[in-house]
Amino acid sequence: MGCVENHLEYPVEELELIKKEMKLPYGIELPSKIDIVHRKYSLGNKINKNQWEQIKLALNFPTDFSPYENFYNSFCDDNHYQLRSLIILGILLSYGNFTDKAQLLFEIMDSESHKVLKRTDIESLVSEMVDISVNKIRLLVEDDSKVKKYIKSLKSVKEKGKKIMLMRFCKSKMQNITKDEFVNRFYKEKCVKLLTARGIRNFLYDLIYKTQ
């Protein structure tokens, strides 16, 4: 899903999450297609039930959708799916190069096309990326006690992890950042790995042992 990562470094519980992620339709799609499809079938940054059915068709979702209902319901609020959250999910799980992913993440946060994001916008982006990668994706294997324990351990370093991610995405003294500045941050390997859900979880997993 984008960057090459060594699965041998992952615990068994992480491999179970990756296996479930790979059953979603995003892994064979470019992030640009995922972005376009979701924006096409949305209105006012929200996606209604009919639009959601169109998205599922366009991205070749599994015919039997029942195993994923609970997971996708976590992206739903007041009977509407949240456009931004679903695009971020798709980008994290998609197949694509890091510059495309970084540009699209910037653009989904820059909803009014100011061409610049505030530091608080990057904080919101980081928070949502971590929430999707840890809190939401765990719902794909909700009945697995070992995975639940693994997720609980990741949550113990979540706040520390978000602070480090923010510093990697946006230099400490920067209060505003342009798209080019943001994308350039991902030429560093330690940032590239944070463009996938599994990469974010692996980053948090490493933090557990660094804090012991």
Protein backbone atom coordinates (compact mmCIF):
# COMPACT_ATOMS: atom_id res chain seq x y z
CA MET A 1 0.00 0.00 0.00
CA GLY A 2 2.36 2.65 -1.21
CA CYS A 3 5.62 2.28 0.69
CA VAL A 4 7.53 -0.98 1.03
CA GLU A 5 7.55 -2.15 4.64
CA ASN A 6 9.02 -5.23 6.31
CA HIS A 7 6.17 -7.31 7.68
CA LEU A 8 8.61 -9.43 9.70
CA GLU A 9 9.03 -6.50 12.06
CA TYR A 10 5.35 -6.58 13.00
CA PRO A 11 3.78 -8.54 15.86
CA VAL A 12 1.19 -11.18 14.99
CA GLU A 13 -1.65 -8.86 16.03
CA GLU A 14 -0.48 -6.24 13.55
CA LEU A 15 -0.36 -8.80 10.77
CA GLU A 16 -4.00 -9.63 11.54
CA LEU A 17 -4.94 -5.96 11.13
CA ILE A 18 -2.99 -5.74 7.87
CA LYS A 19 -4.76 -8.84 6.56
CA LYS A 20 -8.13 -7.21 7.24
CA GLU A 21 -7.02 -3.90 5.71
CA MET A 22 -6.05 -5.68 2.52
CA LYS A 23 -9.63 -6.93 2.10
CA LEU A 24 -10.78 -3.33 1.68
CA PRO A 25 -10.74 -2.03 -1.92
CA TYR A 26 -8.16 0.74 -1.52
CA GLY A 27 -4.91 -1.21 -1.83
CA ILE A 28 -5.11 -1.53 -5.62
CA GLU A 29 -6.21 2.07 -6.20
CA LEU A 30 -4.23 5.26 -6.64
CA PRO A 31 -4.94 7.87 -3.96
CA SER A 32 -5.99 10.36 -6.65
CA LYS A 33 -8.80 8.05 -7.83
CA ILE A 34 -10.04 7.54 -4.28
CA ASP A 35 -10.05 11.30 -3.73
CA ILE A 36 -11.90 12.01 -7.00
CA VAL A 37 -14.57 9.33 -6.46
CA HIS A 38 -15.39 10.48 -2.94
CA ARG A 39 -15.55 14.14 -3.93
CA LYS A 40 -17.75 13.32 -6.94
CA TYR A 41 -20.36 11.59 -4.78
CA SER A 42 -20.49 14.09 -1.92
CA LEU A 43 -22.07 17.41 -1.04
CA GLY A 44 -20.97 19.90 1.60
CA ASN A 45 -18.20 17.57 2.85
CA LYS A 46 -20.80 14.91 3.62
CA ILE A 47 -21.87 11.71 1.90
CA ASN A 48 -25.46 10.48 2.12
CA LYS A 49 -26.56 6.85 1.90
CA ASN A 50 -27.25 6.96 -1.85
CA GLN A 51 -23.91 8.63 -2.59
CA TRP A 52 -22.18 6.02 -0.43
CA GLU A 53 -23.68 3.25 -2.55
CA GLN A 54 -22.29 4.97 -5.67
CA ILE A 55 -18.83 5.14 -4.07
CA LYS A 56 -18.97 1.45 -3.20
CA LEU A 57 -19.79 0.61 -6.81
CA ALA A 58 -17.11 2.89 -8.25
CA LEU A 59 -14.39 1.42 -6.02
CA ASN A 60 -15.54 -2.21 -6.35
CA PHE A 61 -16.36 -2.82 -2.71
CA PRO A 62 -17.07 -6.47 -1.77
CA THR A 63 -20.59 -7.62 -2.62
CA ASP A 64 -21.02 -8.94 0.91
CA PHE A 65 -20.53 -5.74 2.86
CA SER A 66 -21.82 -7.02 6.22
CA PRO A 67 -18.34 -7.70 7.74
CA TYR A 68 -17.47 -4.03 7.26
CA GLU A 69 -20.69 -2.32 8.37
CA ASN A 70 -19.55 -1.65 11.92
CA PHE A 71 -16.22 -0.29 10.71
CA TYR A 72 -17.75 2.14 8.22
CA ASN A 73 -20.45 3.18 10.66
CA SER A 74 -17.65 4.72 12.71
CA PHE A 75 -17.22 7.21 9.85
CA CYS A 76 -20.91 8.10 9.94
CA ASP A 77 -22.44 10.98 11.87
CA ASP A 78 -26.10 12.03 11.78
CA ASN A 79 -26.81 9.57 8.92
CA HIS A 80 -24.03 11.01 6.76
CA TYR A 81 -20.52 9.72 6.14
CA GLN A 82 -17.70 12.21 6.68
CA LEU A 83 -15.93 13.02 3.41
CA ARG A 84 -12.63 14.08 4.95
CA SER A 85 -12.29 11.00 7.15
CA LEU A 86 -13.08 8.58 4.33
CA ILE A 87 -10.59 10.25 1.98
CA ILE A 88 -7.88 10.12 4.64
CA LEU A 89 -8.67 6.42 5.18
CA GLY A 90 -8.42 5.78 1.45
CA ILE A 91 -5.12 7.66 1.15
CA LEU A 92 -3.57 5.74 4.04
CA LEU A 93 -4.55 2.38 2.54
CA SER A 94 -4.05 3.22 -1.13
CA TYR A 95 -1.30 2.27 -3.54
CA GLY A 96 0.62 5.39 -4.52
CA ASN A 97 3.79 7.42 -4.19
CA PHE A 98 4.43 9.60 -1.18
CA THR A 99 4.22 12.93 -3.02
CA ASP A 100 0.70 12.20 -4.27
CA LYS A 101 -0.42 11.08 -0.82
CA ALA A 102 1.09 14.13 0.90
CA GLN A 103 -0.45 16.54 -1.62
CA LEU A 104 -3.89 15.01 -1.23
CA LEU A 105 -3.69 15.06 2.56
CA PHE A 106 -2.82 18.75 2.39
CA GLU A 107 -5.68 19.46 0.00
CA ILE A 108 -8.32 17.68 2.06
CA MET A 109 -7.35 19.86 5.02
CA ASP A 110 -7.23 23.00 2.85
CA SER A 111 -10.96 22.92 2.13
CA GLU A 112 -11.10 26.61 1.16
CA SER A 113 -8.02 26.43 -1.10
CA HIS A 114 -5.94 28.97 0.81
CA LYS A 115 -2.79 27.10 -0.32
CA VAL A 116 -1.53 27.26 3.24
CA LEU A 117 -2.40 25.38 6.43
CA LYS A 118 -2.12 26.53 10.01
CA ARG A 119 -0.27 24.45 12.55
CA THR A 120 -3.63 23.65 14.14
CA ASP A 121 -4.76 22.17 10.81
CA ILE A 122 -1.77 19.83 10.83
CA GLU A 123 -2.59 18.90 14.42
CA SER A 124 -6.12 17.98 13.29
CA LEU A 125 -4.74 15.95 10.39
CA VAL A 126 -2.34 14.02 12.62
CA SER A 127 -5.10 13.35 15.15
CA GLU A 128 -7.40 11.99 12.45
CA MET A 129 -4.68 9.83 10.87
CA VAL A 130 -3.93 8.24 14.24
CA ASP A 131 -7.62 7.83 15.10
CA ILE A 132 -8.27 6.01 11.83
CA SER A 133 -5.14 3.84 12.06
CA VAL A 134 -5.69 2.81 15.68
CA ASN A 135 -9.26 3.37 16.90
CA LYS A 136 -11.23 2.75 13.74
CA ILE A 137 -9.32 0.00 11.95
CA ARG A 138 -9.42 -2.15 15.10
CA LEU A 139 -13.15 -2.52 14.41
CA LEU A 140 -12.28 -4.81 11.49
CA VAL A 141 -11.19 -7.45 14.03
CA GLU A 142 -13.34 -6.40 16.95
CA ASP A 143 -13.77 -9.88 18.47
CA ASP A 144 -10.03 -10.65 18.76
CA SER A 145 -8.84 -10.27 22.38
CA LYS A 146 -5.16 -10.21 21.44
CA VAL A 147 -5.72 -7.44 18.92
CA LYS A 148 -7.66 -5.49 21.55
CA LYS A 149 -4.70 -5.78 23.92
CA TYR A 150 -2.34 -4.70 21.14
CA ILE A 151 -4.48 -1.66 20.36
CA LYS A 152 -4.63 -0.77 24.05
CA SER A 153 -0.83 -0.75 24.15
CA LEU A 154 -0.70 1.55 21.11
CA LYS A 155 -3.17 3.91 22.76
CA SER A 156 -0.86 4.22 25.77
CA VAL A 157 1.64 6.15 23.61
CA LYS A 158 -0.86 7.77 21.26
CA GLU A 159 -0.57 11.30 22.61
CA LYS A 160 3.22 11.20 22.62
CA GLY A 161 3.14 9.81 19.10
CA LYS A 162 0.90 12.60 17.84
CA LYS A 163 3.30 15.22 19.18
CA ILE A 164 6.24 13.58 17.40
CA MET A 165 4.27 13.25 14.16
CA LEU A 166 3.35 16.93 14.32
CA MET A 167 7.02 17.87 14.65
CA ARG A 168 7.88 15.66 11.67
CA PHE A 169 5.14 17.12 9.50
CA CYS A 170 5.66 20.74 10.54
CA LYS A 171 8.84 22.25 12.05
CA SER A 172 8.45 23.37 15.64
CA LYS A 173 8.67 27.10 14.88
CA MET A 174 6.30 26.99 11.90
CA GLN A 175 2.79 28.33 12.52
CA ASN A 176 1.83 28.06 8.83
CA ILE A 177 2.94 25.69 6.10
CA THR A 178 2.50 25.72 2.31
CA LYS A 179 1.77 22.65 0.20
CA ASP A 180 5.33 22.51 -1.16
CA GLU A 181 6.79 22.80 2.33
CA PHE A 182 4.48 20.06 3.57
CA VAL A 183 5.25 17.67 0.70
CA ASN A 184 9.00 18.26 1.08
CA ARG A 185 8.82 16.97 4.64
CA PHE A 186 8.03 13.51 3.25
CA TYR A 187 11.33 13.16 1.43
CA LYS A 188 12.57 11.93 4.81
CA GLU A 189 12.06 8.20 5.37
CA LYS A 190 10.79 8.68 8.92
CA CYS A 191 7.92 10.77 7.50
CA VAL A 192 7.16 8.55 4.50
CA LYS A 193 6.38 5.63 6.79
CA LEU A 194 3.63 7.69 8.41
CA LEU A 195 1.63 7.78 5.17
CA THR A 196 0.15 4.33 5.78
CA ALA A 197 -2.03 3.08 8.61
CA ARG A 198 0.31 0.20 9.30
CA GLY A 199 3.27 2.60 9.31
CA ILE A 200 1.59 4.76 11.95
CA ARG A 201 0.86 1.74 14.13
CA ASN A 202 4.41 0.46 13.72
CA PHE A 203 5.70 3.90 14.72
CA LEU A 204 3.56 3.81 17.89
CA TYR A 205 4.64 0.23 18.60
CA ASP A 206 8.29 1.30 18.52
CA LEU A 207 7.48 4.13 20.93
CA ILE A 208 6.22 1.66 23.52
CA TYR A 209 9.70 0.22 23.93
CA LYS A 210 11.43 3.58 23.78
CA THR A 211 9.38 4.76 26.76
CA GLN A 212 10.12 1.72 28.91
